[in-house]
C-alpha atoms as a PDB file:
ATOM      1  CA  UNK A   1     115.066 138.731  96.087  1.00  0.00           C
ATOM      2  CA  UNK A   2     117.788 136.925  94.401  1.00  0.00           C
ATOM      3  CA  UNK A   3     119.068 138.085  90.381  1.00  0.00           C
ATOM      4  CA  UNK A   4     120.738 135.154  88.670  1.00  0.00           C
ATOM      5  CA  UNK A   5     121.918 135.175  85.733  1.00  0.00           C
ATOM      6  CA  UNK A   6     122.938 132.770  83.106  1.00  0.00           C
ATOM      7  CA  UNK A   7     125.004 133.219  79.896  1.00  0.00           C
ATOM      8  CA  UNK A   8     127.351 131.321  77.484  1.00  0.00           C
ATOM      9  CA  UNK A   9     130.405 133.700  77.876  1.00  0.00           C
ATOM     10  CA  UNK A  10     131.184 135.978  81.097  1.00  0.00           C
ATOM     11  CA  UNK A  11     131.782 138.728  78.869  1.00  0.00           C
ATOM     12  CA  UNK A  12     127.324 138.658  77.714  1.00  0.00           C
ATOM     13  CA  UNK A  13     126.868 139.701  81.728  1.00  0.00           C
ATOM     14  CA  UNK A  14     126.198 143.428  81.746  1.00  0.00           C
ATOM     15  CA  UNK A  15     125.437 144.536  85.673  1.00  0.00           C
ATOM     16  CA  UNK A  16     124.328 142.612  88.732  1.00  0.00           C
ATOM     17  CA  UNK A  17     120.280 142.546  88.552  1.00  0.00           C
ATOM     18  CA  UNK A  18     118.440 141.461  86.194  1.00  0.00           C
ATOM     19  CA  UNK A  19     116.933 145.001  84.396  1.00  0.00           C
ATOM     20  CA  UNK A  20     113.748 146.437  83.906  1.00  0.00           C
ATOM     21  CA  UNK A  21     111.522 144.212  81.696  1.00  0.00           C
ATOM     22  CA  UNK A  22     114.042 141.688  81.097  1.00  0.00           C
ATOM     23  CA  UNK A  23     113.152 138.969  83.533  1.00  0.00           C
ATOM     24  CA  UNK A  24     112.746 135.309  81.608  1.00  0.00           C
ATOM     25  CA  UNK A  25     111.838 133.650  84.327  1.00  0.00           C
ATOM     26  CA  UNK A  26     110.799 134.287  88.340  1.00  0.00           C
ATOM     27  CA  UNK A  27     110.442 131.744  90.579  1.00  0.00           C
ATOM     28  CA  UNK A  28     108.219 133.179  93.322  1.00  0.00           C
ATOM     29  CA  UNK A  29     108.864 131.333  96.578  1.00  0.00           C
ATOM     30  CA  UNK A  30     106.709 133.896  98.365  1.00  0.00           C
ATOM     31  CA  UNK A  31     103.640 135.311  96.356  1.00  0.00           C
ATOM     32  CA  UNK A  32     104.007 138.949  98.675  1.00  0.00           C
ATOM     33  CA  UNK A  33     107.496 139.434  97.067  1.00  0.00           C
ATOM     34  CA  UNK A  34     106.804 138.129  93.690  1.00  0.00           C
ATOM     35  CA  UNK A  35     103.912 140.438  93.142  1.00  0.00           C
ATOM     36  CA  UNK A  36     106.150 142.991  94.807  1.00  0.00           C
ATOM     37  CA  UNK A  37     106.733 146.382  92.399  1.00  0.00           C
ATOM     38  CA  UNK A  38     110.745 145.653  92.252  1.00  0.00           C
ATOM     39  CA  UNK A  39     109.540 141.999  90.935  1.00  0.00           C
ATOM     40  CA  UNK A  40     106.584 142.840  88.681  1.00  0.00           C
ATOM     41  CA  UNK A  41     109.097 145.790  87.162  1.00  0.00           C
ATOM     42  CA  UNK A  42     111.596 143.445  86.065  1.00  0.00           C
ATOM     43  CA  UNK A  43     108.245 140.906  83.953  1.00  0.00           C
ATOM     44  CA  UNK A  44     107.161 141.619  80.474  1.00  0.00           C
ATOM     45  CA  UNK A  45     104.711 140.186  78.891  1.00  0.00           C
ATOM     46  CA  UNK A  46     106.063 137.830  75.534  1.00  0.00           C
ATOM     47  CA  UNK A  47     109.547 137.305  77.720  1.00  0.00           C
ATOM     48  CA  UNK A  48     108.544 136.450  81.312  1.00  0.00           C
ATOM     49  CA  UNK A  49     107.246 133.070  82.501  1.00  0.00           C
ATOM     50  CA  UNK A  50     106.536 132.662  86.210  1.00  0.00           C
ATOM     51  CA  UNK A  51     105.352 129.860  88.959  1.00  0.00           C
ATOM     52  CA  UNK A  52     104.856 131.600  92.153  1.00  0.00           C
ATOM     53  CA  UNK A  53     104.150 130.084  95.651  1.00  0.00           C
ATOM     54  CA  UNK A  54     100.005 129.888  95.708  1.00  0.00           C
ATOM     55  CA  UNK A  55     100.307 129.098  99.440  1.00  0.00           C
ATOM     56  CA  UNK A  56      99.925 132.145 101.070  1.00  0.00           C
ATOM     57  CA  UNK A  57     102.232 132.880 104.393  1.00  0.00           C
ATOM     58  CA  UNK A  58     100.917 135.205 107.046  1.00  0.00           C
ATOM     59  CA  UNK A  59     102.314 138.431 107.471  1.00  0.00           C
ATOM     60  CA  UNK A  60     103.424 141.425 110.077  1.00  0.00           C
ATOM     61  CA  UNK A  61      99.570 143.142 109.422  1.00  0.00           C
ATOM     62  CA  UNK A  62      97.762 139.684 109.949  1.00  0.00           C
ATOM     63  CA  UNK A  63      99.895 139.472 113.399  1.00  0.00           C
ATOM     64  CA  UNK A  64      98.855 143.335 114.361  1.00  0.00           C
ATOM     65  CA  UNK A  65      95.071 142.920 112.627  1.00  0.00           C
ATOM     66  CA  UNK A  66      93.586 138.925 112.835  1.00  0.00           C
ATOM     67  CA  UNK A  67      90.718 140.814 110.815  1.00  0.00           C
ATOM     68  CA  UNK A  68      93.093 141.450 108.025  1.00  0.00           C
ATOM     69  CA  UNK A  69      92.753 139.797 104.672  1.00  0.00           C
ATOM     70  CA  UNK A  70      95.698 139.571 101.866  1.00  0.00           C
ATOM     71  CA  UNK A  71      94.953 141.190  98.924  1.00  0.00           C
ATOM     72  CA  UNK A  72      95.155 137.619  97.126  1.00  0.00           C
ATOM     73  CA  UNK A  73      93.382 137.969  93.691  1.00  0.00           C
ATOM     74  CA  UNK A  74      94.701 141.235  93.429  1.00  0.00           C
ATOM     75  CA  UNK A  75      98.442 139.973  93.798  1.00  0.00           C
ATOM     76  CA  UNK A  76      97.587 137.268  91.355  1.00  0.00           C
ATOM     77  CA  UNK A  77      96.391 140.022  89.139  1.00  0.00           C
ATOM     78  CA  UNK A  78      99.050 141.469  88.833  1.00  0.00           C
ATOM     79  CA  UNK A  79     101.713 139.052  88.543  1.00  0.00           C
ATOM     80  CA  UNK A  80      99.433 138.363  84.781  1.00  0.00           C
ATOM     81  CA  UNK A  81      99.443 141.835  84.077  1.00  0.00           C
ATOM     82  CA  UNK A  82     103.021 141.930  84.262  1.00  0.00           C
ATOM     83  CA  UNK A  83     104.092 138.907  82.653  1.00  0.00           C
ATOM     84  CA  UNK A  84     100.421 137.713  80.607  1.00  0.00           C
ATOM     85  CA  UNK A  85      97.932 135.583  82.111  1.00  0.00           C
ATOM     86  CA  UNK A  86      98.734 132.319  80.199  1.00  0.00           C
ATOM     87  CA  UNK A  87     102.963 132.502  81.410  1.00  0.00           C
ATOM     88  CA  UNK A  88     102.221 132.584  85.125  1.00  0.00           C
ATOM     89  CA  UNK A  89     101.952 129.275  87.010  1.00  0.00           C
ATOM     90  CA  UNK A  90     100.650 128.884  90.468  1.00  0.00           C
ATOM     91  CA  UNK A  91     101.607 125.923  92.756  1.00  0.00           C
ATOM     92  CA  UNK A  92     100.872 124.752  95.800  1.00  0.00           C
ATOM     93  CA  UNK A  93     104.235 124.925  96.815  1.00  0.00           C
ATOM     94  CA  UNK A  94     104.149 124.636 100.471  1.00  0.00           C
ATOM     95  CA  UNK A  95     101.233 121.947 100.776  1.00  0.00           C
ATOM     96  CA  UNK A  96     102.798 119.781  98.349  1.00  0.00           C
ATOM     97  CA  UNK A  97     106.098 120.005  99.848  1.00  0.00           C
ATOM     98  CA  UNK A  98     105.226 119.352 103.337  1.00  0.00           C
ATOM     99  CA  UNK A  99     103.004 116.622 102.607  1.00  0.00           C
ATOM    100  CA  UNK A 100     105.298 115.053 100.376  1.00  0.00           C
ATOM    101  CA  UNK A 101     108.898 116.148 102.108  1.00  0.00           C
ATOM    102  CA  UNK A 102     107.744 116.758 105.682  1.00  0.00           C
ATOM    103  CA  UNK A 103     108.988 120.706 105.542  1.00  0.00           C
ATOM    104  CA  UNK A 104     107.960 123.437 103.868  1.00  0.00           C
ATOM    105  CA  UNK A 105     111.435 124.736 103.095  1.00  0.00           C
ATOM    106  CA  UNK A 106     111.619 122.198 100.471  1.00  0.00           C
ATOM    107  CA  UNK A 107     108.619 124.393  98.116  1.00  0.00           C
ATOM    108  CA  UNK A 108     111.665 126.618  96.747  1.00  0.00           C
ATOM    109  CA  UNK A 109     113.630 123.314  94.996  1.00  0.00           C
ATOM    110  CA  UNK A 110     111.009 122.159  94.301  1.00  0.00           C
ATOM    111  CA  UNK A 111     110.039 125.150  92.221  1.00  0.00           C
ATOM    112  CA  UNK A 112     113.250 125.007  90.340  1.00  0.00           C
ATOM    113  CA  UNK A 113     112.224 121.718  89.646  1.00  0.00           C
ATOM    114  CA  UNK A 114     109.257 122.952  88.005  1.00  0.00           C
ATOM    115  CA  UNK A 115     110.539 125.996  86.364  1.00  0.00           C
ATOM    116  CA  UNK A 116     113.566 123.289  84.613  1.00  0.00           C
ATOM    117  CA  UNK A 117     110.596 120.623  83.333  1.00  0.00           C
ATOM    118  CA  UNK A 118     109.023 123.598  82.001  1.00  0.00           C
ATOM    119  CA  UNK A 119     112.070 124.397  80.308  1.00  0.00           C
ATOM    120  CA  UNK A 120     112.635 127.627  81.410  1.00  0.00           C
ATOM    121  CA  UNK A 121     115.607 127.038  82.757  1.00  0.00           C
ATOM    122  CA  UNK A 122     118.642 127.358  80.234  1.00  0.00           C
ATOM    123  CA  UNK A 123     121.079 124.931  82.546  1.00  0.00           C
ATOM    124  CA  UNK A 124     121.203 121.752  82.203  1.00  0.00           C
ATOM    125  CA  UNK A 125     119.938 118.926  84.520  1.00  0.00           C
ATOM    126  CA  UNK A 126     123.074 117.491  85.962  1.00  0.00           C
ATOM    127  CA  UNK A 127     124.726 120.513  86.527  1.00  0.00           C
ATOM    128  CA  UNK A 128     121.654 122.054  88.382  1.00  0.00           C
ATOM    129  CA  UNK A 129     122.109 118.392  90.085  1.00  0.00           C
ATOM    130  CA  UNK A 130     125.573 119.064  90.743  1.00  0.00           C
ATOM    131  CA  UNK A 131     125.321 122.512  92.243  1.00  0.00           C
ATOM    132  CA  UNK A 132     122.488 121.495  94.954  1.00  0.00           C
ATOM    133  CA  UNK A 133     125.244 118.630  95.690  1.00  0.00           C
ATOM    134  CA  UNK A 134     127.586 121.040  96.365  1.00  0.00           C
ATOM    135  CA  UNK A 135     126.074 123.144  98.219  1.00  0.00           C
ATOM    136  CA  UNK A 136     126.101 119.758 100.999  1.00  0.00           C
ATOM    137  CA  UNK A 137     122.846 120.595 102.970  1.00  0.00           C
ATOM    138  CA  UNK A 138     120.228 118.031 102.750  1.00  0.00           C
ATOM    139  CA  UNK A 139     121.383 117.439  99.592  1.00  0.00           C
ATOM    140  CA  UNK A 140     119.384 113.823  99.231  1.00  0.00           C
ATOM    141  CA  UNK A 141     116.569 116.088 100.046  1.00  0.00           C
ATOM    142  CA  UNK A 142     116.510 119.043  98.236  1.00  0.00           C
ATOM    143  CA  UNK A 143     117.607 116.641  94.933  1.00  0.00           C
ATOM    144  CA  UNK A 144     113.671 114.615  96.135  1.00  0.00           C
ATOM    145  CA  UNK A 145     112.385 118.412  95.872  1.00  0.00           C
ATOM    146  CA  UNK A 146     113.563 119.269  92.753  1.00  0.00           C
ATOM    147  CA  UNK A 147     112.199 115.888  91.384  1.00  0.00           C
ATOM    148  CA  UNK A 148     108.644 116.316  93.120  1.00  0.00           C
ATOM    149  CA  UNK A 149     108.807 119.794  90.806  1.00  0.00           C
ATOM    150  CA  UNK A 150     109.624 118.119  87.778  1.00  0.00           C
ATOM    151  CA  UNK A 151     106.733 115.505  88.463  1.00  0.00           C
ATOM    152  CA  UNK A 152     104.717 118.381  89.275  1.00  0.00           C
ATOM    153  CA  UNK A 153     104.802 119.916  86.300  1.00  0.00           C
ATOM    154  CA  UNK A 154     104.581 117.593  84.270  1.00  0.00           C
ATOM    155  CA  UNK A 155     101.617 115.976  85.964  1.00  0.00           C
ATOM    156  CA  UNK A 156      99.999 118.978  88.611  1.00  0.00           C
ATOM    157  CA  UNK A 157      96.814 116.630  88.702  1.00  0.00           C
ATOM    158  CA  UNK A 158      98.317 113.384  90.083  1.00  0.00           C
ATOM    159  CA  UNK A 159     101.677 115.142  92.754  1.00  0.00           C
ATOM    160  CA  UNK A 160      98.007 116.693  94.209  1.00  0.00           C
ATOM    161  CA  UNK A 161      96.368 113.718  94.215  1.00  0.00           C
ATOM    162  CA  UNK A 162      99.826 112.081  95.887  1.00  0.00           C
ATOM    163  CA  UNK A 163     100.031 115.176  98.149  1.00  0.00           C
ATOM    164  CA  UNK A 164      96.698 114.837  99.506  1.00  0.00           C
ATOM    165  CA  UNK A 165      95.176 117.533  98.065  1.00  0.00           C
ATOM    166  CA  UNK A 166      92.096 117.768  95.201  1.00  0.00           C
ATOM    167  CA  UNK A 167      93.865 117.100  92.292  1.00  0.00           C
ATOM    168  CA  UNK A 168      90.737 118.894  90.365  1.00  0.00           C
ATOM    169  CA  UNK A 169      90.870 122.110  92.137  1.00  0.00           C
ATOM    170  CA  UNK A 170      92.535 125.492  90.751  1.00  0.00           C
ATOM    171  CA  UNK A 171      95.823 126.057  91.454  1.00  0.00           C
ATOM    172  CA  UNK A 172      95.360 129.776  91.528  1.00  0.00           C
ATOM    173  CA  UNK A 173      96.166 131.809  94.786  1.00  0.00           C
END
């Protein structure tokens, strides 16, 4: 979990963590973490918007018990309760990143691009692109994933189709 705060002036930032009920945006790369107690406590209906990866990865519980099932519906309901049902977008980011970029690691910048395109990230596009460039790790692919995320926010059915997914199926986890 990372807490990122953005302000026009450094004096507007108080503390290193987002306070209870103060998250404007949650980018949930992992459904289990996004629906965990710590993340849920930061959300508030009417304030928080969230984009969450609907693709669930196996947990340690599954490794110990192959019949165990993650309570996906319950986790999704907890997120909807915490942020508001209309404030959470679930996207199959792992499957789309793997299909379009060849690696699930690109789900993260894709989710950032999705949130940015929705207008939830109060940082200019060029500043985000520059941060990716300065990070100097797989720059071209990370920039491409950010762009795919923007397209996914704008044209979800088309991006799902290009990724080989059923464009009409629900994106709920």
